[in-house]
Amino acid sequence: MAHSAISQVPVVVPLQTDSSFPRSTMKTTNVTFTDKSWISMLRVNLKTSRSRSQHIVCMSVQPASKDQVLVSPLSLEDANGPPLNIYKPKEPYMAKIVSVERLVGPKAPGETCHIVIDHGGNVPYWEGQSYGIIPPGENPKKPGSPHNVRLYSIASTRYGDSFDGKTASLCVRRAVYYDPETGKADPSKNGVCSNFLCDSKPGDKVQITGPSGKIMLLPEDNPNATHIMIATGTGVAPFRGYLRRMFMESVPTFKFNGLAWLFLGVANSDSLLYDEEFTNYLHEYPDNFRYDRALSREHKNKKGGKMYVQDKIEEYSDEIFKLLDEGAHIYFCGLKGMMPGIQDTLKRVAEERGERWEQKLSKLKKNKQWHVEVY
């Protein structure tokens, strides 16, 4: 798609959107995250157009520092610390599905969906946190009891994709089991929660807990800091939230002017997640954003093998190590199988540079520059 000054960011919202964004007077008092009754408002000019069964709301976004998207309620900036475990597994919050959208192309191995959940402003969160989801039905291992909570990294900012503080978005890969001997799918062993979410329809109810997590919170004390983000697959979720906060939203208390560098590892071009969004940032913020993709089934590393995210890290290792020495934060999110290869690469690079990796890693952790969330 040709680059232009104004890009259209589509957001799907249910019918009867006239009542979806109530206007209220913003309170100036600080929000406490134990209060579950406060309301938010939306300050975005909306252009709606009718499609078959839903409204598509196009938000004209100029992701440039002079004209970013207004968000509300700005009282979400007032809390001194992140909200934690407002809703617990025994008393979850009953939210609603707003939309489910397939993110990947036809040649992607597996299906990944972007799921927007309406929490009504009652389950606030910060970028980098997770929601717990309790799928409907009975736990087969504990008859009469609900399913266990499944944690999902939130893929939106605290204001959500509608910029009104009422929704949260998840990036979910459908877990499908294939018998190793026959190669056939066995639905009885499919992931209960991921299939429930990917099969959901607008208006369906969903039980959520949380929010939880502090390790992946975006440090905002230094707006000129460098943030190196390394993701495999759906591990890109928290980084989408970071980047929208840095580049898309107008937040008076956070004006980012540092460097955000995203490494994303997926199987092929059809598997790329939020690629158009990230590419827009490259056009709009060339001095503040870098974006490197590792497509294992399409790219080759320098040895002629498959290109994984650790190969991209090695490619830019001198720059990455220099940035870390200067105080950069580095984040890892994705399947836990990603970390051994990455750690081996970092260790080898450190030794080639005459450094001891264990010593360097210890220093990064001590300085709170090292952030890992794998599952």
Protein backbone atom coordinates (compact mmCIF):
# COMPACT_ATOMS: atom_id res chain seq x y z
CA MET A 1 0.00 0.00 0.00
CA ALA A 2 1.34 3.41 -0.94
CA HIS A 3 2.47 5.55 1.96
CA SER A 4 0.47 8.69 2.69
CA ALA A 5 0.38 11.28 5.43
CA ILE A 6 -2.86 9.88 6.81
CA SER A 7 -3.35 6.17 7.45
CA GLN A 8 -6.65 4.51 8.22
CA VAL A 9 -6.73 2.31 11.29
CA PRO A 10 -9.87 0.14 11.18
CA VAL A 11 -11.53 -0.76 14.46
CA VAL A 12 -14.47 -3.14 14.59
CA VAL A 13 -17.16 -2.32 17.13
CA PRO A 14 -20.59 -3.91 17.64
CA LEU A 15 -23.86 -2.58 16.25
CA GLN A 16 -25.64 0.11 18.24
CA THR A 17 -22.33 1.97 18.41
CA ASP A 18 -24.20 5.17 19.23
CA SER A 19 -24.33 4.07 22.85
CA SER A 20 -20.91 2.44 22.89
CA PHE A 21 -18.99 5.60 23.73
CA PRO A 22 -20.86 7.54 26.41
CA ARG A 23 -19.62 11.02 27.12
CA SER A 24 -19.08 11.98 30.71
CA THR A 25 -17.28 14.71 32.57
CA MET A 26 -13.75 13.62 33.37
CA LYS A 27 -12.90 13.59 37.03
CA THR A 28 -9.73 15.24 38.19
CA THR A 29 -9.32 13.06 41.26
CA ASN A 30 -6.81 10.22 41.23
CA VAL A 31 -8.09 6.80 40.26
CA THR A 32 -7.69 3.92 42.65
CA PHE A 33 -7.70 0.60 40.85
CA THR A 34 -9.89 -1.01 43.47
CA ASP A 35 -12.79 1.21 42.39
CA LYS A 36 -14.76 -0.74 39.78
CA SER A 37 -17.40 1.84 38.95
CA TRP A 38 -15.66 4.71 37.18
CA ILE A 39 -16.51 5.63 33.60
CA SER A 40 -14.42 6.81 30.70
CA MET A 41 -15.06 8.84 27.61
CA LEU A 42 -13.82 8.91 24.03
CA ARG A 43 -12.37 11.92 22.24
CA VAL A 44 -11.84 10.65 18.70
CA ASN A 45 -13.54 11.86 15.58
CA LEU A 46 -15.23 8.81 14.15
CA LYS A 47 -16.32 8.18 10.59
CA THR A 48 -18.69 5.21 10.50
CA SER A 49 -19.71 3.19 7.53
CA ARG A 50 -22.19 0.35 7.44
CA SER A 51 -21.04 -3.16 6.57
CA ARG A 52 -23.16 -6.29 6.51
CA SER A 53 -23.42 -7.05 10.20
CA GLN A 54 -21.32 -4.50 11.98
CA HIS A 55 -20.06 -0.95 11.92
CA ILE A 56 -16.52 -0.46 10.76
CA VAL A 57 -15.23 2.63 12.51
CA CYS A 58 -12.33 4.23 10.66
CA MET A 59 -10.20 6.41 12.86
CA SER A 60 -8.17 8.87 10.81
CA VAL A 61 -4.79 8.66 12.44
CA GLN A 62 -1.78 10.77 11.72
CA PRO A 63 0.87 8.97 13.74
CA ALA A 64 3.07 12.05 13.91
CA SER A 65 3.99 13.79 17.12
CA LYS A 66 1.88 16.86 16.27
CA ASP A 67 -1.35 14.98 15.69
CA GLN A 68 -1.62 11.70 17.55
CA VAL A 69 -4.84 10.07 18.69
CA LEU A 70 -6.48 11.61 21.75
CA VAL A 71 -7.16 9.08 24.49
CA SER A 72 -9.32 9.06 27.59
CA PRO A 73 -9.79 8.92 30.49
CA LEU A 74 -6.42 10.50 31.23
CA SER A 75 -7.04 9.60 34.88
CA LEU A 76 -5.61 6.21 33.88
CA GLU A 77 -2.22 7.96 34.11
CA ASP A 78 -2.76 9.01 37.73
CA ALA A 79 -2.12 5.79 39.65
CA ASN A 80 1.28 5.41 41.31
CA GLY A 81 1.55 1.74 40.46
CA PRO A 82 0.06 -0.83 38.10
CA PRO A 83 -3.33 -2.40 38.85
CA LEU A 84 -2.90 -5.97 40.08
CA ASN A 85 -5.40 -8.82 40.44
CA ILE A 86 -8.55 -6.73 40.68
CA TYR A 87 -10.50 -9.84 39.72
CA LYS A 88 -9.45 -13.26 41.00
CA PRO A 89 -10.23 -16.76 39.63
CA LYS A 90 -13.00 -17.39 42.17
CA GLU A 91 -14.71 -14.12 41.27
CA PRO A 92 -13.84 -13.29 37.65
CA TYR A 93 -15.21 -10.33 35.72
CA MET A 94 -17.78 -11.13 33.04
CA ALA A 95 -16.66 -9.24 29.95
CA LYS A 96 -17.91 -9.33 26.35
CA ILE A 97 -16.27 -10.12 23.04
CA VAL A 98 -16.27 -7.09 20.71
CA SER A 99 -14.58 -8.65 17.68
CA VAL A 100 -12.46 -11.58 16.51
CA GLU A 101 -10.23 -11.00 13.49
CA ARG A 102 -7.89 -13.46 11.76
CA LEU A 103 -4.46 -11.84 11.62
CA VAL A 104 -2.54 -14.20 9.35
CA GLY A 105 -2.65 -15.04 5.67
CA PRO A 106 -3.61 -18.36 4.04
CA LYS A 107 -0.04 -19.70 3.93
CA ALA A 108 0.60 -19.22 7.65
CA PRO A 109 0.99 -22.46 9.60
CA GLY A 110 -1.89 -22.27 12.06
CA GLU A 111 -4.35 -19.50 12.84
CA THR A 112 -3.74 -16.42 14.96
CA CYS A 113 -6.56 -14.06 15.94
CA HIS A 114 -6.81 -10.53 17.28
CA ILE A 115 -9.54 -10.51 19.91
CA VAL A 116 -11.01 -7.33 21.35
CA ILE A 117 -12.71 -7.66 24.75
CA ASP A 118 -15.02 -5.07 26.33
CA HIS A 119 -14.31 -4.78 30.07
CA GLY A 120 -16.37 -1.63 30.46
CA GLY A 121 -13.47 0.21 32.07
CA ASN A 122 -13.73 -2.08 35.10
CA VAL A 123 -10.54 -4.12 34.64
CA PRO A 124 -7.86 -1.50 33.91
CA TYR A 125 -4.31 -2.58 33.13
CA TRP A 126 -0.95 -1.22 32.05
CA GLU A 127 1.06 -2.04 28.95
CA GLY A 128 2.98 -5.30 29.39
CA GLN A 129 0.45 -6.92 31.74
CA SER A 130 -1.67 -10.03 31.19
CA TYR A 131 -5.29 -11.03 31.58
CA GLY A 132 -6.39 -14.43 32.80
CA ILE A 133 -9.13 -16.12 30.79
CA ILE A 134 -11.38 -18.85 32.20
CA PRO A 135 -12.95 -20.77 29.29
CA PRO A 136 -16.52 -22.02 29.80
CA GLY A 137 -17.17 -25.60 30.81
CA GLU A 138 -15.89 -28.05 33.37
CA ASN A 139 -12.33 -28.94 34.20
CA PRO A 140 -11.97 -32.61 33.10
CA LYS A 141 -9.35 -33.20 35.80
CA LYS A 142 -11.57 -31.69 38.51
CA PRO A 143 -15.22 -32.58 37.80
CA GLY A 144 -17.58 -29.87 39.00
CA SER A 145 -14.86 -27.21 38.92
CA PRO A 146 -14.24 -24.56 36.27
CA HIS A 147 -11.25 -24.69 33.94
CA ASN A 148 -7.93 -23.33 35.13
CA VAL A 149 -7.01 -19.75 34.26
CA ARG A 150 -4.99 -19.26 31.07
CA LEU A 151 -2.80 -16.15 30.92
CA TYR A 152 -2.58 -14.01 27.78
CA SER A 153 -0.36 -10.97 27.27
CA ILE A 154 -2.44 -7.90 26.48
CA ALA A 155 -1.80 -6.54 22.97
CA SER A 156 -3.20 -3.03 23.45
CA THR A 157 -2.42 0.03 25.52
CA ARG A 158 -4.41 0.79 28.66
CA TYR A 159 -6.80 2.77 26.44
CA GLY A 160 -7.57 -0.19 24.19
CA ASP A 161 -8.01 -0.21 20.43
CA SER A 162 -10.94 2.22 20.75
CA PHE A 163 -8.82 4.68 22.78
CA ASP A 164 -11.53 4.98 25.47
CA GLY A 165 -10.15 2.79 28.27
CA LYS A 166 -12.94 0.23 27.91
CA THR A 167 -11.39 -2.59 25.90
CA ALA A 168 -8.38 -4.87 25.90
CA SER A 169 -6.99 -6.83 22.95
CA LEU A 170 -5.43 -10.28 22.93
CA CYS A 171 -3.30 -11.95 20.27
CA VAL A 172 -4.20 -15.65 20.36
CA ARG A 173 -2.88 -18.56 18.32
CA ARG A 174 -5.35 -21.40 17.99
CA ALA A 175 -3.81 -24.51 19.59
CA VAL A 176 -4.56 -27.52 17.40
CA TYR A 177 -3.25 -31.02 18.14
CA TYR A 178 -2.06 -33.32 15.39
CA ASP A 179 -1.42 -37.00 16.02
CA PRO A 180 2.33 -37.56 15.40
CA GLU A 181 1.70 -40.98 13.84
CA THR A 182 -1.27 -40.30 11.58
CA GLY A 183 -0.71 -36.58 11.05
CA LYS A 184 -4.44 -36.04 11.52
CA ALA A 185 -5.96 -33.40 13.78
CA ASP A 186 -7.43 -34.63 17.05
CA PRO A 187 -10.01 -32.04 18.20
CA SER A 188 -10.34 -33.73 21.59
CA LYS A 189 -6.81 -32.58 22.42
CA ASN A 190 -7.08 -29.04 21.06
CA GLY A 191 -6.34 -26.10 23.34
CA VAL A 192 -9.59 -25.39 25.18
CA CYS A 193 -9.09 -21.68 25.78
CA SER A 194 -7.48 -20.64 22.50
CA ASN A 195 -10.19 -22.39 20.48
CA PHE A 196 -12.92 -20.84 22.65
CA LEU A 197 -11.48 -17.37 22.04
CA CYS A 198 -10.85 -17.83 18.30
CA ASP A 199 -14.36 -19.26 17.81
CA SER A 200 -16.04 -16.47 19.82
CA LYS A 201 -18.58 -14.12 18.27
CA PRO A 202 -19.30 -10.45 19.10
CA GLY A 203 -21.46 -10.30 22.21
CA ASP A 204 -20.25 -13.60 23.64
CA LYS A 205 -19.39 -13.49 27.31
CA VAL A 206 -15.88 -14.18 28.55
CA GLN A 207 -14.62 -14.50 32.15
CA ILE A 208 -11.45 -12.53 32.83
CA THR A 209 -9.13 -12.24 35.82
CA GLY A 210 -6.26 -9.94 36.65
CA PRO A 211 -4.55 -7.97 35.43
CA SER A 212 -1.26 -9.56 36.45
CA GLY A 213 2.44 -9.14 35.86
CA LYS A 214 5.10 -6.52 36.56
CA ILE A 215 8.20 -7.83 34.78
CA MET A 216 7.16 -6.55 31.33
CA LEU A 217 5.92 -3.10 32.39
CA LEU A 218 7.28 -0.37 30.12
CA PRO A 219 9.68 1.86 32.10
CA GLU A 220 8.67 5.45 31.37
CA ASP A 221 10.98 7.39 33.67
CA ASN A 222 13.27 8.23 30.74
CA PRO A 223 11.42 9.17 27.51
CA ASN A 224 14.75 9.08 25.64
CA ALA A 225 15.55 5.47 26.56
CA THR A 226 16.21 2.63 24.10
CA HIS A 227 13.89 -0.38 24.16
CA ILE A 228 14.97 -3.55 22.29
CA MET A 229 12.03 -5.94 21.89
CA ILE A 230 12.49 -9.54 20.79
CA ALA A 231 9.38 -11.58 20.00
CA THR A 232 8.43 -14.87 18.46
CA GLY A 233 4.87 -15.24 17.18
CA THR A 234 2.17 -14.05 19.56
CA GLY A 235 4.92 -12.87 21.90
CA VAL A 236 4.67 -9.62 19.96
CA ALA A 237 1.51 -8.78 21.95
CA PRO A 238 3.00 -6.57 24.71
CA PHE A 239 5.24 -4.83 22.19
CA ARG A 240 2.24 -3.78 20.11
CA GLY A 241 0.96 -2.08 23.28
CA TYR A 242 4.31 -0.36 23.89
CA LEU A 243 4.52 0.92 20.32
CA ARG A 244 0.97 2.25 20.20
CA ARG A 245 1.67 4.15 23.43
CA MET A 246 4.97 5.49 22.07
CA PHE A 247 3.84 6.46 18.58
CA MET A 248 0.07 6.37 18.09
CA GLU A 249 -1.46 7.87 21.21
CA SER A 250 -1.30 11.40 22.57
CA VAL A 251 -0.42 10.92 26.24
CA PRO A 252 0.49 14.22 27.94
CA THR A 253 2.62 12.53 30.59
CA PHE A 254 4.64 10.36 28.18
CA LYS A 255 6.28 11.86 25.10
CA PHE A 256 8.61 9.19 23.72
CA ASN A 257 11.74 10.41 21.98
CA GLY A 258 14.04 7.41 22.35
CA LEU A 259 14.61 4.34 20.18
CA ALA A 260 12.26 1.37 19.94
CA TRP A 261 13.74 -1.60 18.07
CA LEU A 262 11.53 -4.60 17.35
CA PHE A 263 12.78 -8.03 16.27
CA LEU A 264 9.93 -10.35 15.24
CA GLY A 265 10.42 -14.02 14.40
CA VAL A 266 7.68 -15.93 12.54
CA ALA A 267 7.52 -18.73 9.97
CA ASN A 268 6.77 -16.76 6.79
CA SER A 269 5.36 -13.52 5.37
CA ASP A 270 1.78 -14.70 5.88
CA SER A 271 2.55 -15.23 9.58
CA LEU A 272 3.59 -11.64 10.25
CA LEU A 273 1.47 -10.01 12.97
CA TYR A 274 0.48 -6.31 12.94
CA ASP A 275 3.01 -5.79 10.14
CA GLU A 276 1.17 -2.86 8.55
CA GLU A 277 0.95 -1.08 11.89
CA PHE A 278 4.67 -1.51 12.55
CA THR A 279 5.60 -0.51 8.99
CA ASN A 280 3.62 2.72 9.44
CA TYR A 281 5.78 3.62 12.43
CA LEU A 282 8.87 3.09 10.27
CA HIS A 283 7.56 5.65 7.78
CA GLU A 284 6.44 8.14 10.41
CA TYR A 285 9.26 7.78 12.94
CA PRO A 286 12.41 6.67 11.08
CA ASP A 287 14.66 8.10 13.80
CA ASN A 288 12.81 6.44 16.68
CA PHE A 289 11.77 3.02 15.39
CA ARG A 290 13.55 0.05 13.84
CA TYR A 291 11.87 -3.17 12.74
CA ASP A 292 13.63 -6.41 11.80
CA ARG A 293 11.82 -9.58 10.77
CA ALA A 294 13.17 -13.13 10.87
CA LEU A 295 11.12 -15.40 8.59
CA SER A 296 12.41 -18.91 9.27
CA ARG A 297 10.88 -20.50 6.15
CA GLU A 298 11.84 -17.70 3.76
CA HIS A 299 15.11 -16.17 5.01
CA LYS A 300 18.53 -17.80 5.37
CA ASN A 301 21.09 -17.01 8.05
CA LYS A 302 24.73 -16.42 7.22
CA LYS A 303 25.43 -20.17 7.44
CA GLY A 304 22.70 -20.99 4.96
CA GLY A 305 20.28 -22.36 7.57
CA LYS A 306 16.86 -21.10 8.58
CA MET A 307 16.74 -17.53 9.84
CA TYR A 308 15.58 -17.39 13.45
CA VAL A 309 15.30 -14.36 15.67
CA GLN A 310 18.64 -15.15 17.38
CA ASP A 311 20.32 -14.96 13.95
CA LYS A 312 18.99 -11.42 13.55
CA ILE A 313 20.30 -10.58 17.02
CA GLU A 314 23.72 -11.89 16.04
CA GLU A 315 23.62 -9.84 12.83
CA TYR A 316 23.25 -6.65 14.88
CA SER A 317 25.12 -7.87 17.97
CA ASP A 318 27.74 -5.09 18.08
CA GLU A 319 25.04 -2.43 18.03
CA ILE A 320 22.85 -4.28 20.55
CA PHE A 321 25.70 -4.77 23.03
CA LYS A 322 26.70 -1.11 22.70
CA LEU A 323 23.09 -0.02 23.40
CA LEU A 324 22.88 -2.35 26.41
CA ASP A 325 26.12 -0.88 27.76
CA GLU A 326 24.47 2.54 27.43
CA GLY A 327 21.46 1.46 29.50
CA ALA A 328 19.00 0.07 26.93
CA HIS A 329 16.18 -2.18 28.10
CA ILE A 330 15.83 -5.55 26.38
CA TYR A 331 12.62 -7.60 26.38
CA PHE A 332 11.88 -11.17 25.31
CA CYS A 333 8.40 -12.57 24.84
CA GLY A 334 7.15 -15.76 23.20
CA LEU A 335 7.44 -19.52 23.56
CA LYS A 336 9.98 -20.56 26.19
CA GLY A 337 11.82 -22.56 23.53
CA MET A 338 13.11 -19.27 22.10
CA MET A 339 15.37 -18.49 25.03
CA PRO A 340 18.08 -21.22 24.90
CA GLY A 341 19.03 -20.31 21.31
CA ILE A 342 19.03 -16.61 22.12
CA GLN A 343 21.07 -17.10 25.30
CA ASP A 344 23.62 -19.25 23.43
CA THR A 345 23.94 -16.57 20.74
CA LEU A 346 24.40 -13.78 23.28
CA LYS A 347 26.96 -15.83 25.20
CA ARG A 348 28.95 -16.60 22.05
CA VAL A 349 28.90 -12.96 20.96
CA ALA A 350 29.98 -11.79 24.43
CA GLU A 351 32.93 -14.21 24.43
CA GLU A 352 33.96 -13.04 20.94
CA ARG A 353 34.00 -9.54 22.38
CA GLY A 354 36.15 -10.66 25.31
CA GLU A 355 33.31 -10.37 27.83
CA ARG A 356 31.87 -12.88 30.29
CA TRP A 357 28.18 -13.33 29.49
CA GLU A 358 27.17 -14.50 32.98
CA GLN A 359 28.71 -11.36 34.46
CA LYS A 360 27.05 -9.14 31.87
CA LEU A 361 23.65 -10.80 32.33
CA SER A 362 23.90 -10.39 36.09
CA LYS A 363 24.57 -6.67 35.62
CA LEU A 364 21.63 -6.28 33.22
CA LYS A 365 19.30 -7.95 35.70
CA LYS A 366 20.63 -5.86 38.58
CA ASN A 367 20.03 -2.67 36.57
CA LYS A 368 16.51 -3.88 35.64
CA GLN A 369 17.35 -3.78 31.93
CA TRP A 370 16.49 -7.47 31.33
CA HIS A 371 12.81 -8.42 30.93
CA VAL A 372 11.65 -11.95 30.05
CA GLU A 373 8.15 -13.38 29.72
CA VAL A 374 7.96 -16.77 28.05
CA TYR A 375 5.30 -19.48 28.16
